Amino acid sequence: MAAGLEPGSAAGPDRGRAEEPVGADEGASEPPADATGAAVPCWQAKDLTEGGQLARIRLGDADYMLRITRSAKLILTK
């Protein structure tokens, strides 16, 4: 192993391993927080799409499309 690299680091042997998302623990007692400690807003995808499959999200002058797939995954495209 290269000097200074720990297993699981970006260049380590576990590089392709996906980490569990913050707040994914079903027994978590607190909502996830950002770096300042403030609670991160949380929305249901179906609320954003108003029960449909698509929602348009605007950031500055750019529009993005959020799509819920048949397999209940989210895709965000520009």
N, C-alpha and C. Protein backbone atom coordinates (compact mmCIF):
# COMPACT_ATOMS: atom_id res chain seq x y z
N MET A 1 0.86 -1.18 0.00
CA MET A 1 0.00 0.00 0.00
C MET A 1 0.89 1.23 0.00
N ALA A 2 0.47 2.28 -0.71
CA ALA A 2 1.24 3.51 -0.79
C ALA A 2 1.31 4.18 0.57
N ALA A 3 2.42 4.88 0.80
CA ALA A 3 2.60 5.56 2.08
C ALA A 3 1.53 6.61 2.29
N GLY A 4 0.97 6.66 3.49
CA GLY A 4 0.01 7.68 3.85
C GLY A 4 -1.43 7.39 3.43
N LEU A 5 -1.66 6.26 2.73
CA LEU A 5 -3.02 5.94 2.31
C LEU A 5 -3.62 4.93 3.27
N GLU A 6 -4.83 5.17 3.65
CA GLU A 6 -5.56 4.28 4.53
C GLU A 6 -6.53 3.45 3.70
N PRO A 7 -6.84 2.23 4.15
CA PRO A 7 -7.87 1.46 3.44
C PRO A 7 -9.16 2.26 3.40
N GLY A 8 -9.80 2.27 2.24
CA GLY A 8 -11.06 3.00 2.09
C GLY A 8 -10.87 4.45 1.67
N SER A 9 -9.61 4.94 1.60
CA SER A 9 -9.40 6.31 1.13
C SER A 9 -9.63 6.35 -0.37
N ALA A 10 -9.64 7.54 -0.95
CA ALA A 10 -9.95 7.70 -2.37
C ALA A 10 -9.05 6.86 -3.25
N ALA A 11 -7.81 6.64 -2.86
CA ALA A 11 -6.90 5.86 -3.69
C ALA A 11 -6.68 4.47 -3.12
N GLY A 12 -7.37 4.11 -2.05
CA GLY A 12 -7.20 2.82 -1.38
C GLY A 12 -7.95 1.71 -2.10
N PRO A 13 -7.83 0.48 -1.62
CA PRO A 13 -8.43 -0.67 -2.29
C PRO A 13 -9.95 -0.69 -2.26
N ASP A 14 -10.61 0.03 -1.36
CA ASP A 14 -12.06 0.02 -1.27
C ASP A 14 -12.67 1.19 -2.03
N ARG A 15 -11.96 1.72 -3.00
CA ARG A 15 -12.33 2.95 -3.69
C ARG A 15 -13.74 2.91 -4.28
N GLY A 16 -14.16 1.79 -4.83
CA GLY A 16 -15.47 1.73 -5.46
C GLY A 16 -16.61 1.47 -4.50
N ARG A 17 -16.32 1.25 -3.24
CA ARG A 17 -17.33 0.92 -2.25
C ARG A 17 -18.22 2.13 -1.98
N ALA A 18 -19.51 1.93 -2.04
CA ALA A 18 -20.45 3.03 -1.74
C ALA A 18 -20.62 3.14 -0.24
N GLU A 19 -20.61 4.36 0.24
CA GLU A 19 -20.84 4.58 1.66
C GLU A 19 -22.31 4.81 1.89
N GLU A 20 -22.78 4.47 3.08
CA GLU A 20 -24.18 4.68 3.43
C GLU A 20 -24.45 6.16 3.55
N PRO A 21 -25.55 6.66 2.96
CA PRO A 21 -25.85 8.09 3.04
C PRO A 21 -26.07 8.54 4.48
N VAL A 22 -25.75 9.80 4.74
CA VAL A 22 -25.98 10.37 6.06
C VAL A 22 -27.46 10.30 6.34
N GLY A 23 -27.81 9.84 7.54
CA GLY A 23 -29.21 9.77 7.92
C GLY A 23 -29.91 8.53 7.42
N ALA A 24 -29.18 7.59 6.81
CA ALA A 24 -29.81 6.39 6.28
C ALA A 24 -30.16 5.40 7.38
N ASP A 25 -29.59 5.54 8.55
CA ASP A 25 -29.87 4.65 9.67
C ASP A 25 -31.31 4.86 10.11
N GLU A 26 -32.12 3.80 10.03
CA GLU A 26 -33.53 3.95 10.37
C GLU A 26 -33.73 4.32 11.83
N GLY A 27 -32.77 4.00 12.69
CA GLY A 27 -32.90 4.31 14.10
C GLY A 27 -32.32 5.66 14.47
N ALA A 28 -31.95 6.46 13.47
CA ALA A 28 -31.35 7.76 13.76
C ALA A 28 -32.35 8.64 14.50
N SER A 29 -31.89 9.29 15.57
CA SER A 29 -32.78 10.10 16.38
C SER A 29 -32.77 11.56 15.96
N GLU A 30 -31.77 11.99 15.21
CA GLU A 30 -31.66 13.39 14.81
C GLU A 30 -31.60 13.48 13.29
N PRO A 31 -32.21 14.53 12.71
CA PRO A 31 -32.08 14.70 11.26
C PRO A 31 -30.65 15.09 10.91
N PRO A 32 -30.20 14.80 9.68
CA PRO A 32 -28.85 15.19 9.28
C PRO A 32 -28.68 16.70 9.37
N ALA A 33 -27.44 17.13 9.61
CA ALA A 33 -27.14 18.55 9.71
C ALA A 33 -26.04 18.91 8.73
N ASP A 34 -26.00 20.18 8.33
CA ASP A 34 -24.91 20.64 7.46
C ASP A 34 -23.70 20.98 8.32
N ALA A 35 -22.67 21.53 7.71
CA ALA A 35 -21.41 21.81 8.41
C ALA A 35 -21.59 22.82 9.55
N THR A 36 -22.62 23.66 9.47
CA THR A 36 -22.84 24.64 10.54
C THR A 36 -23.67 24.07 11.67
N GLY A 37 -24.19 22.86 11.49
CA GLY A 37 -25.03 22.25 12.51
C GLY A 37 -26.51 22.48 12.28
N ALA A 38 -26.85 23.25 11.25
CA ALA A 38 -28.26 23.51 10.95
C ALA A 38 -28.89 22.28 10.32
N ALA A 39 -30.15 22.02 10.62
CA ALA A 39 -30.85 20.87 10.04
C ALA A 39 -30.96 21.05 8.53
N VAL A 40 -30.78 19.96 7.79
CA VAL A 40 -30.88 19.98 6.34
C VAL A 40 -32.35 19.79 5.96
N PRO A 41 -32.90 20.66 5.10
CA PRO A 41 -34.30 20.49 4.70
C PRO A 41 -34.53 19.14 4.02
N CYS A 42 -35.70 18.57 4.21
CA CYS A 42 -36.03 17.27 3.63
C CYS A 42 -37.42 17.34 3.00
N TRP A 43 -37.53 16.90 1.75
CA TRP A 43 -38.80 16.87 1.05
C TRP A 43 -39.03 15.47 0.52
N GLN A 44 -40.28 15.07 0.42
CA GLN A 44 -40.64 13.83 -0.25
C GLN A 44 -40.62 14.10 -1.75
N ALA A 45 -40.02 13.19 -2.52
CA ALA A 45 -39.94 13.38 -3.97
C ALA A 45 -41.33 13.53 -4.58
N LYS A 46 -42.30 12.78 -4.10
CA LYS A 46 -43.66 12.86 -4.65
C LYS A 46 -44.28 14.23 -4.38
N ASP A 47 -43.86 14.91 -3.30
CA ASP A 47 -44.34 16.27 -3.06
C ASP A 47 -43.76 17.23 -4.09
N LEU A 48 -42.48 17.04 -4.44
CA LEU A 48 -41.85 17.90 -5.45
C LEU A 48 -42.48 17.70 -6.82
N THR A 49 -42.87 16.47 -7.12
CA THR A 49 -43.45 16.17 -8.43
C THR A 49 -44.97 16.27 -8.41
N GLU A 50 -45.53 16.69 -7.28
CA GLU A 50 -46.98 16.80 -7.10
C GLU A 50 -47.68 15.50 -7.50
N GLY A 51 -47.10 14.37 -7.08
CA GLY A 51 -47.69 13.07 -7.34
C GLY A 51 -47.34 12.47 -8.68
N GLY A 52 -46.65 13.23 -9.54
CA GLY A 52 -46.28 12.73 -10.86
C GLY A 52 -44.89 12.11 -10.86
N GLN A 53 -44.25 12.14 -12.01
CA GLN A 53 -42.92 11.56 -12.16
C GLN A 53 -41.85 12.61 -12.40
N LEU A 54 -42.21 13.86 -12.72
CA LEU A 54 -41.24 14.89 -13.08
C LEU A 54 -41.45 16.16 -12.27
N ALA A 55 -40.33 16.82 -11.98
CA ALA A 55 -40.37 18.15 -11.37
C ALA A 55 -39.27 18.97 -12.00
N ARG A 56 -39.55 20.24 -12.24
CA ARG A 56 -38.52 21.15 -12.74
C ARG A 56 -37.97 21.92 -11.54
N ILE A 57 -36.65 21.95 -11.44
CA ILE A 57 -35.97 22.63 -10.34
C ILE A 57 -35.08 23.70 -10.95
N ARG A 58 -35.19 24.92 -10.47
CA ARG A 58 -34.41 26.02 -11.01
C ARG A 58 -33.30 26.38 -10.03
N LEU A 59 -32.09 26.56 -10.56
CA LEU A 59 -30.93 27.04 -9.80
C LEU A 59 -30.32 28.17 -10.61
N GLY A 60 -30.47 29.39 -10.11
CA GLY A 60 -30.01 30.55 -10.88
C GLY A 60 -30.80 30.65 -12.16
N ASP A 61 -30.10 30.67 -13.29
CA ASP A 61 -30.77 30.73 -14.60
C ASP A 61 -30.96 29.36 -15.24
N ALA A 62 -30.50 28.30 -14.58
CA ALA A 62 -30.56 26.96 -15.16
C ALA A 62 -31.74 26.18 -14.61
N ASP A 63 -32.41 25.44 -15.50
CA ASP A 63 -33.49 24.54 -15.10
C ASP A 63 -32.98 23.11 -15.14
N TYR A 64 -33.39 22.32 -14.17
CA TYR A 64 -33.04 20.91 -14.07
C TYR A 64 -34.33 20.11 -13.99
N MET A 65 -34.30 18.88 -14.48
CA MET A 65 -35.46 18.00 -14.38
C MET A 65 -35.15 16.88 -13.39
N LEU A 66 -36.03 16.71 -12.43
CA LEU A 66 -35.94 15.61 -11.48
C LEU A 66 -36.97 14.57 -11.91
N ARG A 67 -36.51 13.34 -12.14
CA ARG A 67 -37.41 12.29 -12.61
C ARG A 67 -37.37 11.12 -11.65
N ILE A 68 -38.55 10.59 -11.32
CA ILE A 68 -38.65 9.37 -10.53
C ILE A 68 -38.81 8.22 -11.53
N THR A 69 -37.91 7.24 -11.48
CA THR A 69 -37.94 6.12 -12.41
C THR A 69 -38.94 5.06 -11.95
N ARG A 70 -39.19 4.09 -12.83
CA ARG A 70 -40.09 2.98 -12.47
C ARG A 70 -39.55 2.17 -11.30
N SER A 71 -38.23 2.16 -11.14
CA SER A 71 -37.63 1.41 -10.03
C SER A 71 -37.43 2.29 -8.80
N ALA A 72 -38.16 3.41 -8.73
CA ALA A 72 -38.16 4.32 -7.57
C ALA A 72 -36.79 4.92 -7.28
N LYS A 73 -36.06 5.25 -8.35
CA LYS A 73 -34.78 5.95 -8.21
C LYS A 73 -34.97 7.36 -8.75
N LEU A 74 -34.08 8.27 -8.33
CA LEU A 74 -34.16 9.65 -8.78
C LEU A 74 -33.06 9.95 -9.79
N ILE A 75 -33.41 10.67 -10.85
CA ILE A 75 -32.44 11.13 -11.85
C ILE A 75 -32.61 12.63 -11.98
N LEU A 76 -31.51 13.37 -11.85
CA LEU A 76 -31.51 14.82 -12.01
C LEU A 76 -30.70 15.15 -13.25
N THR A 77 -31.33 15.81 -14.23
CA THR A 77 -30.64 16.17 -15.48
C THR A 77 -30.80 17.65 -15.74
N LYS A 78 -29.86 18.18 -16.51
CA LYS A 78 -29.89 19.60 -16.87
C LYS A 78 -30.62 19.77 -18.17
